[in-house]
Amino acid sequence: MATLSPLIVLFCSLLLSLSPFEVSAHSHTTKIGKGYRLVSLEESPDGGLIGLLRVKKKTHIYGPDIPHLQLYV
């Protein structure tokens, strides 16, 4: 279980970088989405992590959101 800890930290860091997505215009920042939330996290047979993500709130600013994502680290 000790080898899982650094992977969880990396996964959470990546997850936080995905949410919320922001675009900078001049000197003020405009949020264009609410991001994703982690639904489940499991370890794959090869030692990686698989996180299932669900969109927090749908927007159609750049087209329809992907409602469910699977992130492999």
N, C-alpha and C. Protein backbone atom coordinates (compact mmCIF):
# COMPACT_ATOMS: atom_id res chain seq x y z
N MET A 1 0.81 -1.20 0.00
CA MET A 1 0.00 0.00 0.00
C MET A 1 0.85 1.26 0.00
N ALA A 2 2.13 1.14 0.39
CA ALA A 2 3.01 2.31 0.43
C ALA A 2 3.27 2.87 -0.96
N THR A 3 3.28 2.03 -2.00
CA THR A 3 3.52 2.52 -3.35
C THR A 3 2.29 3.21 -3.93
N LEU A 4 1.15 3.01 -3.35
CA LEU A 4 -0.08 3.63 -3.84
C LEU A 4 -0.16 5.10 -3.46
N SER A 5 0.42 5.48 -2.35
CA SER A 5 0.32 6.84 -1.85
C SER A 5 0.84 7.90 -2.82
N PRO A 6 2.04 7.77 -3.40
CA PRO A 6 2.50 8.78 -4.36
C PRO A 6 1.61 8.86 -5.60
N LEU A 7 1.06 7.73 -6.02
CA LEU A 7 0.17 7.73 -7.18
C LEU A 7 -1.13 8.46 -6.88
N ILE A 8 -1.64 8.31 -5.67
CA ILE A 8 -2.87 9.01 -5.29
C ILE A 8 -2.62 10.51 -5.27
N VAL A 9 -1.47 10.93 -4.75
CA VAL A 9 -1.13 12.36 -4.73
C VAL A 9 -1.05 12.90 -6.16
N LEU A 10 -0.40 12.16 -7.06
CA LEU A 10 -0.30 12.57 -8.45
C LEU A 10 -1.68 12.64 -9.09
N PHE A 11 -2.51 11.64 -8.85
CA PHE A 11 -3.85 11.61 -9.42
C PHE A 11 -4.68 12.80 -8.95
N CYS A 12 -4.63 13.08 -7.65
CA CYS A 12 -5.39 14.20 -7.10
C CYS A 12 -4.88 15.53 -7.65
N SER A 13 -3.58 15.65 -7.85
CA SER A 13 -3.01 16.87 -8.44
C SER A 13 -3.52 17.07 -9.86
N LEU A 14 -3.56 15.98 -10.63
CA LEU A 14 -4.08 16.07 -11.99
C LEU A 14 -5.56 16.42 -11.98
N LEU A 15 -6.29 15.84 -11.07
CA LEU A 15 -7.72 16.10 -10.98
C LEU A 15 -7.99 17.55 -10.65
N LEU A 16 -7.23 18.11 -9.72
CA LEU A 16 -7.41 19.51 -9.36
C LEU A 16 -7.04 20.44 -10.51
N SER A 17 -6.11 20.03 -11.35
CA SER A 17 -5.74 20.88 -12.47
C SER A 17 -6.82 20.87 -13.55
N LEU A 18 -7.70 19.89 -13.55
CA LEU A 18 -8.80 19.84 -14.51
C LEU A 18 -10.01 20.65 -14.09
N SER A 19 -10.12 21.00 -12.84
CA SER A 19 -11.36 21.58 -12.32
C SER A 19 -11.09 22.79 -11.46
N PRO A 20 -11.75 23.89 -11.61
CA PRO A 20 -12.57 24.28 -12.76
C PRO A 20 -11.70 24.84 -13.87
N PHE A 21 -12.14 24.70 -15.09
CA PHE A 21 -11.41 25.19 -16.25
C PHE A 21 -11.66 26.68 -16.38
N GLU A 22 -10.60 27.45 -16.49
CA GLU A 22 -10.74 28.91 -16.57
C GLU A 22 -9.99 29.44 -17.79
N VAL A 23 -10.49 30.54 -18.32
CA VAL A 23 -9.85 31.22 -19.43
C VAL A 23 -9.55 32.64 -18.99
N SER A 24 -8.34 33.10 -19.24
CA SER A 24 -7.96 34.45 -18.85
C SER A 24 -8.15 35.39 -20.03
N ALA A 25 -8.89 36.47 -19.81
CA ALA A 25 -9.10 37.49 -20.83
C ALA A 25 -8.70 38.83 -20.24
N HIS A 26 -7.69 39.42 -20.79
CA HIS A 26 -7.11 40.67 -20.29
C HIS A 26 -6.71 40.50 -18.83
N SER A 27 -7.32 41.27 -17.94
CA SER A 27 -6.90 41.19 -16.54
C SER A 27 -7.92 40.48 -15.65
N HIS A 28 -9.03 40.04 -16.19
CA HIS A 28 -9.99 39.33 -15.34
C HIS A 28 -10.21 37.91 -15.86
N THR A 29 -10.54 37.02 -14.95
CA THR A 29 -10.69 35.60 -15.27
C THR A 29 -12.17 35.25 -15.33
N THR A 30 -12.55 34.49 -16.35
CA THR A 30 -13.94 34.07 -16.52
C THR A 30 -14.01 32.55 -16.41
N LYS A 31 -14.82 32.06 -15.49
CA LYS A 31 -15.02 30.61 -15.39
C LYS A 31 -15.96 30.17 -16.50
N ILE A 32 -15.59 29.07 -17.16
CA ILE A 32 -16.45 28.57 -18.23
C ILE A 32 -16.98 27.18 -17.95
N GLY A 33 -16.69 26.65 -16.78
CA GLY A 33 -17.19 25.33 -16.43
C GLY A 33 -17.00 25.06 -14.96
N LYS A 34 -17.70 24.08 -14.46
CA LYS A 34 -17.61 23.70 -13.04
C LYS A 34 -16.64 22.56 -12.80
N GLY A 35 -16.16 21.93 -13.87
CA GLY A 35 -15.19 20.85 -13.72
C GLY A 35 -15.85 19.49 -13.51
N TYR A 36 -15.05 18.56 -13.03
CA TYR A 36 -15.48 17.18 -12.82
C TYR A 36 -15.27 16.79 -11.37
N ARG A 37 -16.04 15.80 -10.92
CA ARG A 37 -15.83 15.27 -9.57
C ARG A 37 -15.47 13.79 -9.68
N LEU A 38 -14.68 13.34 -8.73
CA LEU A 38 -14.24 11.96 -8.70
C LEU A 38 -15.37 11.08 -8.16
N VAL A 39 -15.79 10.10 -8.95
CA VAL A 39 -16.86 9.19 -8.56
C VAL A 39 -16.29 7.94 -7.91
N SER A 40 -15.22 7.40 -8.50
CA SER A 40 -14.58 6.22 -7.93
C SER A 40 -13.11 6.19 -8.33
N LEU A 41 -12.33 5.46 -7.54
CA LEU A 41 -10.90 5.32 -7.77
C LEU A 41 -10.52 3.87 -7.49
N GLU A 42 -9.84 3.24 -8.43
CA GLU A 42 -9.41 1.86 -8.22
C GLU A 42 -8.01 1.66 -8.80
N GLU A 43 -7.32 0.64 -8.30
CA GLU A 43 -5.99 0.32 -8.79
C GLU A 43 -6.12 -0.71 -9.90
N SER A 44 -5.41 -0.49 -11.01
CA SER A 44 -5.45 -1.43 -12.13
C SER A 44 -4.44 -2.56 -11.88
N PRO A 45 -4.57 -3.68 -12.59
CA PRO A 45 -3.65 -4.81 -12.39
C PRO A 45 -2.18 -4.46 -12.62
N ASP A 46 -1.90 -3.47 -13.47
CA ASP A 46 -0.50 -3.10 -13.74
C ASP A 46 0.03 -2.04 -12.78
N GLY A 47 -0.73 -1.71 -11.73
CA GLY A 47 -0.26 -0.78 -10.70
C GLY A 47 -0.69 0.65 -10.91
N GLY A 48 -1.38 0.95 -11.99
CA GLY A 48 -1.87 2.31 -12.23
C GLY A 48 -3.14 2.58 -11.45
N LEU A 49 -3.64 3.79 -11.60
CA LEU A 49 -4.91 4.17 -10.98
C LEU A 49 -5.91 4.52 -12.06
N ILE A 50 -7.15 4.12 -11.86
CA ILE A 50 -8.23 4.45 -12.78
C ILE A 50 -9.26 5.24 -11.99
N GLY A 51 -9.47 6.47 -12.41
CA GLY A 51 -10.46 7.33 -11.77
C GLY A 51 -11.64 7.56 -12.69
N LEU A 52 -12.84 7.38 -12.19
CA LEU A 52 -14.04 7.67 -12.95
C LEU A 52 -14.52 9.05 -12.53
N LEU A 53 -14.69 9.95 -13.51
CA LEU A 53 -15.06 11.33 -13.26
C LEU A 53 -16.42 11.62 -13.87
N ARG A 54 -17.18 12.49 -13.21
CA ARG A 54 -18.49 12.91 -13.71
C ARG A 54 -18.53 14.43 -13.74
N VAL A 55 -19.06 15.00 -14.81
CA VAL A 55 -19.14 16.45 -14.93
C VAL A 55 -20.02 17.01 -13.81
N LYS A 56 -19.60 18.11 -13.20
CA LYS A 56 -20.36 18.70 -12.09
C LYS A 56 -21.63 19.38 -12.58
N LYS A 57 -21.50 20.21 -13.61
CA LYS A 57 -22.66 20.90 -14.16
C LYS A 57 -22.42 21.11 -15.65
N LYS A 58 -23.36 20.67 -16.47
CA LYS A 58 -23.20 20.75 -17.92
C LYS A 58 -23.25 22.20 -18.40
N THR A 59 -22.40 22.50 -19.39
CA THR A 59 -22.43 23.78 -20.09
C THR A 59 -22.31 23.48 -21.58
N HIS A 60 -22.68 24.44 -22.39
CA HIS A 60 -22.59 24.26 -23.84
C HIS A 60 -21.78 25.39 -24.48
N ILE A 61 -20.84 25.94 -23.73
CA ILE A 61 -20.06 27.08 -24.22
C ILE A 61 -19.24 26.69 -25.44
N TYR A 62 -18.51 25.60 -25.39
CA TYR A 62 -17.71 25.14 -26.51
C TYR A 62 -18.27 23.85 -27.09
N GLY A 63 -19.55 23.61 -26.91
CA GLY A 63 -20.17 22.37 -27.34
C GLY A 63 -20.56 21.56 -26.12
N PRO A 64 -21.19 20.41 -26.33
CA PRO A 64 -21.64 19.60 -25.20
C PRO A 64 -20.46 19.02 -24.41
N ASP A 65 -20.64 18.94 -23.10
CA ASP A 65 -19.63 18.36 -22.22
C ASP A 65 -19.64 16.84 -22.34
N ILE A 66 -18.51 16.23 -22.03
CA ILE A 66 -18.43 14.77 -21.93
C ILE A 66 -18.89 14.44 -20.51
N PRO A 67 -20.03 13.75 -20.33
CA PRO A 67 -20.58 13.56 -18.99
C PRO A 67 -19.75 12.66 -18.08
N HIS A 68 -19.10 11.65 -18.65
CA HIS A 68 -18.31 10.71 -17.85
C HIS A 68 -16.93 10.56 -18.49
N LEU A 69 -15.89 10.68 -17.67
CA LEU A 69 -14.52 10.50 -18.14
C LEU A 69 -13.84 9.41 -17.33
N GLN A 70 -12.93 8.71 -17.95
CA GLN A 70 -12.11 7.73 -17.25
C GLN A 70 -10.66 8.18 -17.40
N LEU A 71 -10.02 8.45 -16.27
CA LEU A 71 -8.64 8.93 -16.26
C LEU A 71 -7.73 7.83 -15.74
N TYR A 72 -6.72 7.50 -16.54
CA TYR A 72 -5.76 6.47 -16.14
C TYR A 72 -4.43 7.13 -15.84
N VAL A 73 -3.89 6.84 -14.65
CA VAL A 73 -2.58 7.38 -14.24
C VAL A 73 -1.69 6.22 -13.89
